[in-house]
Protein backbone atom coordinates (compact mmCIF):
# COMPACT_ATOMS: atom_id res chain seq x y z
CA MET A 1 65.93 32.18 114.38
CA LYS A 2 66.84 35.74 115.37
CA PRO A 3 68.36 36.56 118.67
CA VAL A 4 66.19 38.30 121.19
CA GLY A 5 68.80 41.00 121.84
CA ALA A 6 68.77 42.20 118.27
CA LYS A 7 64.97 42.48 118.20
CA TYR A 8 65.04 44.49 121.42
CA ASN A 9 67.67 46.81 120.02
CA ILE A 10 65.68 47.41 116.85
CA LYS A 11 62.53 48.30 118.78
CA LYS A 12 64.53 50.57 121.01
CA ALA A 13 66.12 52.30 118.05
CA PHE A 14 63.06 52.63 115.76
CA GLY A 15 60.24 52.56 118.30
CA THR A 16 59.14 55.23 120.75
CA PRO A 17 61.88 57.93 121.15
CA ARG A 18 63.86 57.91 124.35
CA VAL A 19 62.97 60.67 126.90
CA ARG A 20 66.07 62.28 128.41
CA PRO A 21 65.96 62.97 132.14
CA GLY A 22 65.86 66.76 133.16
CA PHE A 23 65.43 69.09 136.16
CA SER A 24 62.07 69.81 137.63
CA LEU A 25 60.78 73.30 138.36
CA ALA A 26 61.33 72.83 142.11
CA GLU A 27 64.96 71.84 141.54
CA VAL A 28 65.57 74.87 139.35
CA LEU A 29 64.03 77.24 141.92
CA ALA A 30 66.10 75.66 144.71
CA ALA A 31 69.28 76.05 142.67
CA ILE A 32 68.49 79.70 141.91
CA THR A 33 67.74 80.39 145.58
CA ILE A 34 70.97 78.77 146.77
CA GLY A 35 72.97 80.63 144.11
CA ALA A 36 71.41 83.96 145.13
CA MET A 37 72.22 83.30 148.78
CA VAL A 38 75.85 82.47 147.95
CA LEU A 39 76.14 85.56 145.73
CA ALA A 40 74.67 87.79 148.46
CA ALA A 41 77.13 86.39 150.99
CA VAL A 42 80.09 86.95 148.65
CA LEU A 43 78.99 90.52 147.88
CA GLY A 44 78.54 91.21 151.60
CA ILE A 45 82.05 89.99 152.38
CA TYR A 46 83.46 92.02 149.49
CA GLY A 47 81.66 95.14 150.70
CA ARG A 48 83.03 94.75 154.24
CA VAL A 49 86.56 94.20 152.92
CA GLU A 50 86.28 97.25 150.67
CA ARG A 51 85.03 99.45 153.54
CA SER A 52 87.82 98.20 155.80
CA ALA A 53 90.42 98.94 153.13
CA ALA A 54 88.96 102.42 152.56
CA ALA A 55 88.98 103.12 156.30
CA LEU A 56 92.59 101.96 156.56
CA THR A 57 93.55 104.14 153.60
CA ARG A 58 91.84 107.17 155.13
CA LYS A 59 93.61 106.48 158.41
CA LEU A 60 96.99 106.39 156.68
CA ASP A 61 96.22 109.48 154.62
CA SER A 62 94.98 111.36 157.68
CA SER A 63 98.40 111.00 159.32
CA ARG A 64 100.53 111.34 156.18
CA LEU A 65 98.82 114.25 154.43
CA PRO A 66 99.04 116.71 157.37
CA SER A 67 102.74 115.93 157.77
CA GLU A 68 103.36 116.60 154.09
CA VAL A 69 101.47 119.92 154.25
CA LEU A 70 103.35 121.04 157.37
CA GLN A 71 106.66 120.05 155.79
CA ARG A 72 105.85 122.08 152.68
CA ILE A 73 105.05 125.16 154.79
CA ALA A 74 108.29 124.65 156.75
CA GLU A 75 110.27 124.57 153.49
CA ASP A 76 108.76 127.89 152.45
CA LEU A 77 109.69 129.42 155.81
CA ASP A 78 113.20 127.99 155.57
CA GLY A 79 113.73 130.18 152.53
CA ILE A 80 113.96 133.19 154.84
CA VAL A 81 117.68 133.84 155.23
CA ALA A 82 117.67 136.05 158.31
CA ALA A 83 115.66 138.71 160.06
CA GLY A 84 115.78 142.10 158.44
CA SER A 85 116.45 140.72 154.94
CA ASP A 86 113.54 142.65 153.38
CA THR A 87 111.13 139.87 154.32
CA LYS A 88 107.71 140.37 155.82
CA ILE A 89 105.31 137.82 157.28
CA THR A 90 101.58 138.42 157.67
CA ILE A 91 99.27 136.05 159.56
CA GLU A 92 95.48 136.23 159.67
CA ASN A 93 92.97 133.88 161.31
CA LYS A 94 89.22 133.85 160.83
CA PHE A 95 86.18 131.58 160.52
CA ASP A 96 85.00 130.63 157.04
CA ASN A 97 81.53 129.05 157.03
CA GLY A 98 82.13 128.08 160.66
CA PHE A 99 85.49 126.37 160.07
CA PRO A 100 88.74 127.85 161.48
CA ALA A 101 90.68 129.24 158.52
CA ALA A 102 94.01 131.06 158.25
CA ARG A 103 96.19 132.93 155.78
CA LEU A 104 99.99 133.11 155.77
CA THR A 105 101.82 135.54 153.50
CA ILE A 106 105.60 135.51 153.00
CA LEU A 107 106.71 138.57 151.07
CA LYS A 108 110.29 139.13 149.93
CA THR A 109 111.24 142.46 148.37
CA PHE A 110 114.34 144.14 146.98
CA HIS A 111 115.32 147.61 145.77
CA ASP A 112 116.22 148.21 142.16
CA SER A 113 118.70 150.69 140.70
CA ARG A 114 116.19 153.51 141.24
CA ASN A 115 115.82 152.49 144.90
CA ALA A 116 112.22 151.46 144.22
CA GLU A 117 110.86 148.50 146.16
CA GLN A 118 110.08 145.50 143.96
CA THR A 119 108.54 142.14 144.85
CA PHE A 120 111.07 139.35 144.55
CA GLU A 121 108.66 136.57 145.51
CA GLU A 122 105.38 136.20 147.39
CA ILE A 123 104.14 132.93 148.86
CA VAL A 124 100.60 132.69 150.22
CA TRP A 125 99.04 129.81 152.12
CA GLN A 126 95.32 130.16 152.75
CA SER A 127 92.28 128.02 153.38
CA SER A 128 88.76 128.86 152.25
CA TYR A 129 85.41 127.14 152.02
CA ASP A 130 84.41 125.95 148.56
CA LEU A 131 80.68 125.55 148.02
CA GLU A 132 81.22 123.41 144.92
CA SER A 133 83.51 120.93 146.66
CA ASP A 134 82.12 117.52 147.59
CA ALA A 135 84.16 117.37 150.79
CA ASP A 136 82.63 119.10 153.80
CA GLY A 137 85.43 121.37 154.90
CA LEU A 138 88.04 123.81 153.69
CA VAL A 139 90.25 123.74 150.64
CA LEU A 140 93.91 124.57 151.22
CA TYR A 141 95.56 126.71 148.52
CA ARG A 142 99.12 127.79 147.86
CA SER A 143 100.17 130.71 145.70
CA TYR A 144 103.58 131.66 144.36
CA SER A 145 104.34 134.83 142.39
CA GLY A 146 107.37 136.99 141.73
CA ILE A 147 110.05 137.75 139.20
CA ALA A 148 111.68 134.34 139.62
CA LEU A 149 109.99 131.20 138.29
CA GLU A 150 109.47 128.49 140.87
CA ASP A 151 109.14 125.71 138.29
CA LYS A 152 110.64 126.77 134.95
CA LEU A 153 109.29 123.73 133.10
CA LEU A 154 105.67 124.39 134.07
CA ASP A 155 105.64 128.16 134.51
CA GLU A 156 107.02 128.85 131.02
CA LYS A 157 104.12 126.92 129.44
CA ARG A 158 101.43 128.80 131.34
CA GLU A 159 99.23 131.21 129.45
CA ASN A 160 98.92 134.86 130.41
CA TRP A 161 95.43 134.37 131.81
CA GLU A 162 96.71 131.44 133.91
CA ARG A 163 99.38 133.62 135.51
CA ALA A 164 96.67 135.82 136.99
CA TYR A 165 95.26 132.83 138.93
CA SER A 166 98.28 131.69 140.89
CA PHE A 167 96.41 129.82 143.64
CA VAL A 168 96.83 126.06 143.35
CA PRO A 169 94.64 123.74 145.46
CA ILE A 170 96.78 121.49 147.64
CA CYS A 171 94.13 119.40 149.40
CA ASN A 172 90.50 119.52 150.46
CA GLY A 173 88.52 118.24 153.42
CA VAL A 174 90.46 120.37 155.91
CA THR A 175 88.31 120.86 159.02
CA PHE A 176 90.79 122.86 161.10
CA PHE A 177 93.58 125.17 159.92
CA LYS A 178 95.14 127.74 162.20
CA ILE A 179 98.45 129.62 162.13
CA GLN A 180 99.62 131.30 165.35
CA VAL A 181 102.68 133.00 166.75
CA PRO A 182 103.81 131.65 170.15
CA GLN A 183 104.34 134.34 172.75
CA GLY A 184 105.51 132.56 175.88
CA GLU A 185 102.62 130.40 177.04
CA ASP A 186 100.09 132.29 174.89
CA PHE A 187 99.48 132.41 171.14
CA GLN A 188 98.86 135.41 168.91
CA ASP A 189 96.36 134.95 166.06
CA GLN A 190 97.31 138.07 164.08
CA TRP A 191 100.76 139.25 162.99
CA THR A 192 101.44 142.36 160.95
CA GLY A 193 104.54 144.49 161.03
CA PRO A 194 108.10 144.76 159.80
CA LEU A 195 109.53 142.42 162.44
CA LEU A 196 109.58 138.68 161.91
CA PRO A 197 108.26 136.34 164.58
CA ASN A 198 110.67 133.93 166.21
CA GLY A 199 108.49 130.99 165.29
CA ILE A 200 105.13 129.98 163.86
CA THR A 201 102.81 127.20 165.04
CA VAL A 202 100.70 125.63 162.31
CA THR A 203 97.80 123.37 163.32
CA ILE A 204 95.83 121.29 160.84
CA SER A 205 93.27 118.50 161.01
CA PHE A 206 91.16 116.41 158.64
CA ALA A 207 89.01 114.80 161.35
CA GLU A 208 85.25 115.09 161.48
CA ALA A 209 84.25 118.44 162.94
CA SER A 210 81.43 119.05 165.39
CA LYS A 211 79.44 122.20 166.05
CA THR A 212 80.23 124.12 169.23
CA VAL A 213 77.98 126.25 171.40
CA ARG A 214 79.12 129.40 169.59
CA GLY A 215 78.01 127.95 166.26
CA THR A 216 81.52 127.34 164.93
CA MET A 217 83.09 124.03 163.94
CA ASP A 218 85.87 122.39 165.94
CA VAL A 219 87.66 119.04 166.21
CA PRO A 220 89.03 117.28 169.32
CA ASP A 221 92.50 118.29 170.42
CA GLU A 222 93.83 114.76 169.99
CA GLU A 223 92.88 114.91 166.30
CA LYS A 224 94.84 118.11 165.68
CA ILE A 225 98.39 117.93 164.32
CA ALA A 226 100.58 120.93 165.17
CA ARG A 227 104.14 121.87 164.32
CA THR A 228 106.20 124.81 165.52
CA ILE A 229 108.52 126.13 162.82
CA ALA A 230 111.44 128.46 163.50
CA VAL A 231 111.46 131.49 161.20
CA ASP A 232 115.01 132.78 161.70
CA ARG A 233 117.35 129.86 162.28
CA THR A 234 120.42 132.11 162.49
CA ARG A 235 119.28 133.97 165.59
CA LYS A 236 120.98 133.43 168.93
CA ILE A 237 118.87 131.47 171.37
CA LYS A 238 119.32 132.38 175.01
CA PHE A 239 119.16 129.39 177.31
CA GLU A 240 118.28 129.87 180.94
CA ILE A 241 119.75 127.37 183.40
CA VAL A 242 117.51 126.94 186.40
CA PRO A 243 119.53 126.26 189.58
CA GLU A 244 118.65 123.09 191.41
CA GLU A 245 117.14 123.37 194.86
CA TYR A 246 119.07 121.68 197.67
CA ASP A 247 118.10 121.06 201.26
CA GLN A 248 119.97 122.78 204.04
CA ASP A 249 121.53 119.48 205.15
CA GLU A 250 122.76 118.72 201.65
CA GLU A 251 124.36 122.19 201.34
CA GLN A 252 126.28 121.59 204.63
CA GLY A 253 127.33 118.12 203.53
CA LEU A 254 125.19 116.34 206.15
CA GLU A 255 123.21 113.23 205.44
CA PRO A 256 119.45 113.63 205.62
CA VAL A 257 117.65 112.11 208.60
CA PRO A 258 114.92 109.58 207.72
CA ASP A 259 111.31 110.50 208.43
CA ASP A 260 110.93 107.77 211.11
CA GLY A 261 113.49 109.46 213.37
CA THR A 262 116.13 106.75 213.14
CA LEU A 263 119.69 107.73 212.39
CA ALA A 264 121.14 107.03 209.01
CA PRO A 265 123.60 104.12 208.88
CA GLU A 266 127.23 105.11 209.17
CA SER A 267 129.79 104.39 206.53
CA PRO A 268 132.41 101.64 207.19
CA LYS A 269 135.17 104.20 207.78
CA GLU A 270 133.11 106.19 210.27
CA LEU A 271 132.00 102.99 212.00
CA LYS A 272 135.63 101.80 212.35
CA LYS A 273 136.69 105.20 213.67
CA SER A 274 133.94 105.29 216.28
CA ASN A 275 134.82 101.76 217.44
CA GLY A 276 138.47 102.81 217.86
CA GLU A 277 137.50 105.83 219.95
CA GLN A 278 135.36 103.67 222.22
CA GLU A 279 138.23 101.18 222.80
CA SER A 280 140.66 104.03 223.66
CA LYS A 281 138.21 105.39 226.22
CA ARG A 282 137.88 102.00 227.90
CA ARG A 283 141.69 101.74 228.25
């Protein structure tokens, strides 16, 4: 007599093959739909985080990059020892493709043994519109030339044809670049002549520009970053002390009378003195 369990196991092993359970088509489609929704949500969150990070980076660069450019221009102007030291400054302002552009030239000369004027060094800052640039705005260039090498490590390795193109791009996307000479409360856009200005005001901006009525491009004043740089730091600055205005009562040492017509309160000494005079009169 064979056990029933063994017979059942044999039929199960050698009989009809077992069918493994699987997923239906509806379950697969539901899983794919849910996965696509989760993936779309993750990609949307990643895109928002990336845009926020890019906006924050642009915000930091928009405040840091102008300061670095202005500091670099100030360092070039600090190289001027004093007025009348064979140094000449030329300033030009214009509009390039509608954007305010400027050019600053610092020229230092000397006289050789034959008393002929030679260029010791020439530094040029200028902005121009580049049609091939992806950024909508100006490209700021800096040029250095002269008998002295600014960077001996790099300048000695430059080829002869590279020395002819001395302009180096500093940054792009500049929407406003203006260099002016302050004259009291006004500003002068052009400067040519043997005399050096007392100071130079450089204004730069990377903000989005808008078209004005005249057809030129401009940015809001709060988006412009300006810095006034002294040219000759050794000059004597005349300070004017404005005298303070006093009332007639203050000049005579009298206390002012309040507007309501009441007398000002007396000091303790004056009050004690007046009380003593009244008592002497009564006696």
